Protein backbone atom coordinates (compact mmCIF):
# COMPACT_ATOMS: atom_id res chain seq x y z
CA MET A 1 21.70 -9.49 43.59
CA SER A 2 19.64 -11.82 41.02
CA ALA A 3 17.20 -11.18 38.72
CA SER A 4 14.21 -12.84 37.54
CA LEU A 5 12.16 -12.88 34.24
CA SER A 6 8.43 -13.67 34.61
CA ALA A 7 5.95 -14.14 31.71
CA ALA A 8 3.23 -13.88 33.62
CA GLY A 9 4.13 -9.81 33.79
CA SER A 10 4.77 -9.65 30.07
CA SER A 11 2.29 -7.40 28.16
CA PRO A 12 -0.22 -8.78 25.22
CA LYS A 13 1.24 -8.02 21.93
CA ARG A 14 -0.41 -5.23 19.94
CA GLU A 15 -2.61 -5.54 16.81
CA LEU A 16 -0.53 -4.47 13.49
CA PRO A 17 -1.81 -2.44 11.71
CA PRO A 18 -3.13 -3.78 7.79
CA LEU A 19 -0.93 -3.64 5.04
CA MET A 20 -2.68 -1.18 2.98
CA ARG A 21 -6.85 -0.23 3.20
CA LEU A 22 -8.75 1.64 -0.37
CA SER A 23 -10.84 4.89 0.63
CA GLU A 24 -14.26 4.46 -0.49
CA SER A 25 -13.16 6.02 -3.80
CA ALA A 26 -10.43 4.30 -4.79
CA ALA A 27 -12.29 1.23 -3.90
CA ARG A 28 -14.87 2.15 -6.46
CA GLN A 29 -12.64 3.16 -9.18
CA LEU A 30 -10.51 0.01 -8.72
CA GLU A 31 -14.03 -2.22 -9.03
CA HIS A 32 -14.84 -0.57 -11.57
CA LEU A 33 -11.09 -0.83 -13.47
CA TYR A 34 -11.61 -4.74 -12.70
CA ASN A 35 -14.94 -4.60 -14.33
CA THR A 36 -13.97 -3.10 -17.63
CA ALA A 37 -11.22 -2.49 -18.81
CA HIS A 38 -8.84 -4.50 -16.63
CA SER A 39 -11.11 -7.39 -16.31
CA GLY A 40 -9.70 -10.52 -15.19
CA GLN A 41 -6.82 -8.26 -13.61
CA VAL A 42 -5.44 -7.72 -10.53
CA LEU A 43 -3.52 -4.76 -9.61
CA ARG A 44 0.02 -4.83 -8.14
CA ILE A 45 1.58 -2.06 -6.29
CA SER A 46 5.34 -2.12 -5.74
CA VAL A 47 8.13 0.79 -4.55
CA THR A 48 11.06 1.33 -7.01
CA THR A 49 14.14 3.60 -6.85
CA ARG A 50 13.19 6.38 -8.83
CA GLY A 51 12.82 10.54 -8.59
CA CYS A 52 14.40 13.25 -6.39
CA SER A 53 13.60 11.72 -3.09
CA GLY A 54 14.91 8.16 -4.01
CA GLN A 55 11.33 6.18 -3.92
CA ALA A 56 8.34 6.05 -6.15
CA TYR A 57 5.02 4.12 -6.50
CA ASP A 58 4.58 1.31 -9.06
CA MET A 59 1.25 0.33 -10.00
CA GLN A 60 0.48 -2.41 -12.43
CA PHE A 61 -1.92 -4.53 -13.76
CA VAL A 62 -0.94 -8.27 -13.73
CA GLU A 63 -2.51 -11.62 -14.17
CA GLY A 64 -2.14 -12.99 -10.83
CA PRO A 65 0.10 -12.98 -7.70
CA THR A 66 3.44 -14.03 -8.46
CA GLU A 67 6.18 -16.15 -5.29
CA GLY A 68 6.61 -13.01 -3.76
CA ASP A 69 3.02 -10.90 -3.10
CA GLU A 70 1.36 -10.18 -0.25
CA VAL A 71 -2.62 -10.47 -1.03
CA VAL A 72 -4.23 -7.61 0.37
CA LYS A 73 -8.41 -8.06 0.65
CA ASP A 74 -10.36 -4.81 1.36
CA LYS A 75 -13.90 -3.68 0.82
CA GLY A 76 -14.38 -6.60 -1.49
CA LEU A 77 -11.49 -6.12 -3.82
CA THR A 78 -8.01 -7.97 -3.99
CA LEU A 79 -5.08 -6.43 -5.04
CA LEU A 80 -1.33 -7.28 -4.13
CA VAL A 81 1.70 -5.98 -2.63
CA ASP A 82 5.00 -6.56 -3.64
CA ARG A 83 7.05 -8.22 -0.84
CA LYS A 84 9.73 -6.00 -0.84
CA ALA A 85 7.34 -3.23 -0.79
CA VAL A 86 5.64 -4.16 2.57
CA LEU A 87 7.98 -2.22 4.90
CA PHE A 88 7.17 1.11 2.99
CA LEU A 89 3.95 0.38 2.66
CA ILE A 90 2.29 -0.85 5.90
CA GLY A 91 -0.70 1.45 7.20
CA THR A 92 -0.97 2.88 4.16
CA GLU A 93 -4.24 3.92 2.59
CA MET A 94 -4.49 4.25 -1.51
CA ASP A 95 -6.80 7.28 -2.41
CA PHE A 96 -8.56 8.19 -5.62
CA ARG A 97 -8.64 11.73 -6.13
CA GLN A 98 -10.47 13.65 -9.13
CA SER A 99 -10.24 17.48 -10.11
CA ASP A 100 -10.43 19.32 -12.96
CA LEU A 101 -7.38 18.97 -14.23
CA GLU A 102 -5.95 15.76 -13.25
CA GLU A 103 -7.28 12.38 -11.51
CA GLY A 104 -6.03 8.96 -10.18
CA PHE A 105 -4.74 6.93 -7.04
CA VAL A 106 -2.78 8.92 -4.98
CA PHE A 107 -1.13 6.82 -1.29
CA ASN A 108 -1.53 8.04 2.33
CA ASN A 109 1.47 6.65 3.96
CA PRO A 110 2.26 7.45 7.59
CA ASN A 111 5.84 6.03 7.00
CA GLU A 112 6.66 8.75 4.50
CA LYS A 113 9.19 11.31 5.81
CA GLY A 114 9.20 13.59 2.68
CA ARG A 115 8.65 14.43 -0.79
CA CYS A 116 10.04 15.79 -3.69
CA GLY A 117 8.69 19.16 -4.67
CA CYS A 118 7.01 17.64 -8.19
CA GLY A 119 5.10 14.75 -5.26
CA GLU A 120 6.31 12.02 -7.66
CA SER A 121 8.78 10.50 -5.19
CA PHE A 122 9.18 10.14 -1.95
CA HIS A 123 11.00 8.68 1.07
CA VAL A 124 10.65 7.19 4.75
């Protein structure tokens, strides 16, 4: 019995989800920051080892990309993602939420398998 493989029967490659995207409220807030306190800088997102669950999001405003950064453009804005964080963040939406007691960027990450009780860290 012999088997042969044919390229004609191969299935088309599916499109990968975007590395990251911004919600409308995150885009508005990031644009405000880029136009005021962080003019000339860009937001860089990485994942660090921290907290009860093992990983945490880290955000810093930097002057520009480093050799290991992925450049993400969404809604006319640019942000950077540390190359070591890419696998943790594929398909993530960054949102901005505001309430009576707190405000800040939050990550809706489909790769998260759980979070610690305080919400500061996550695991995949």
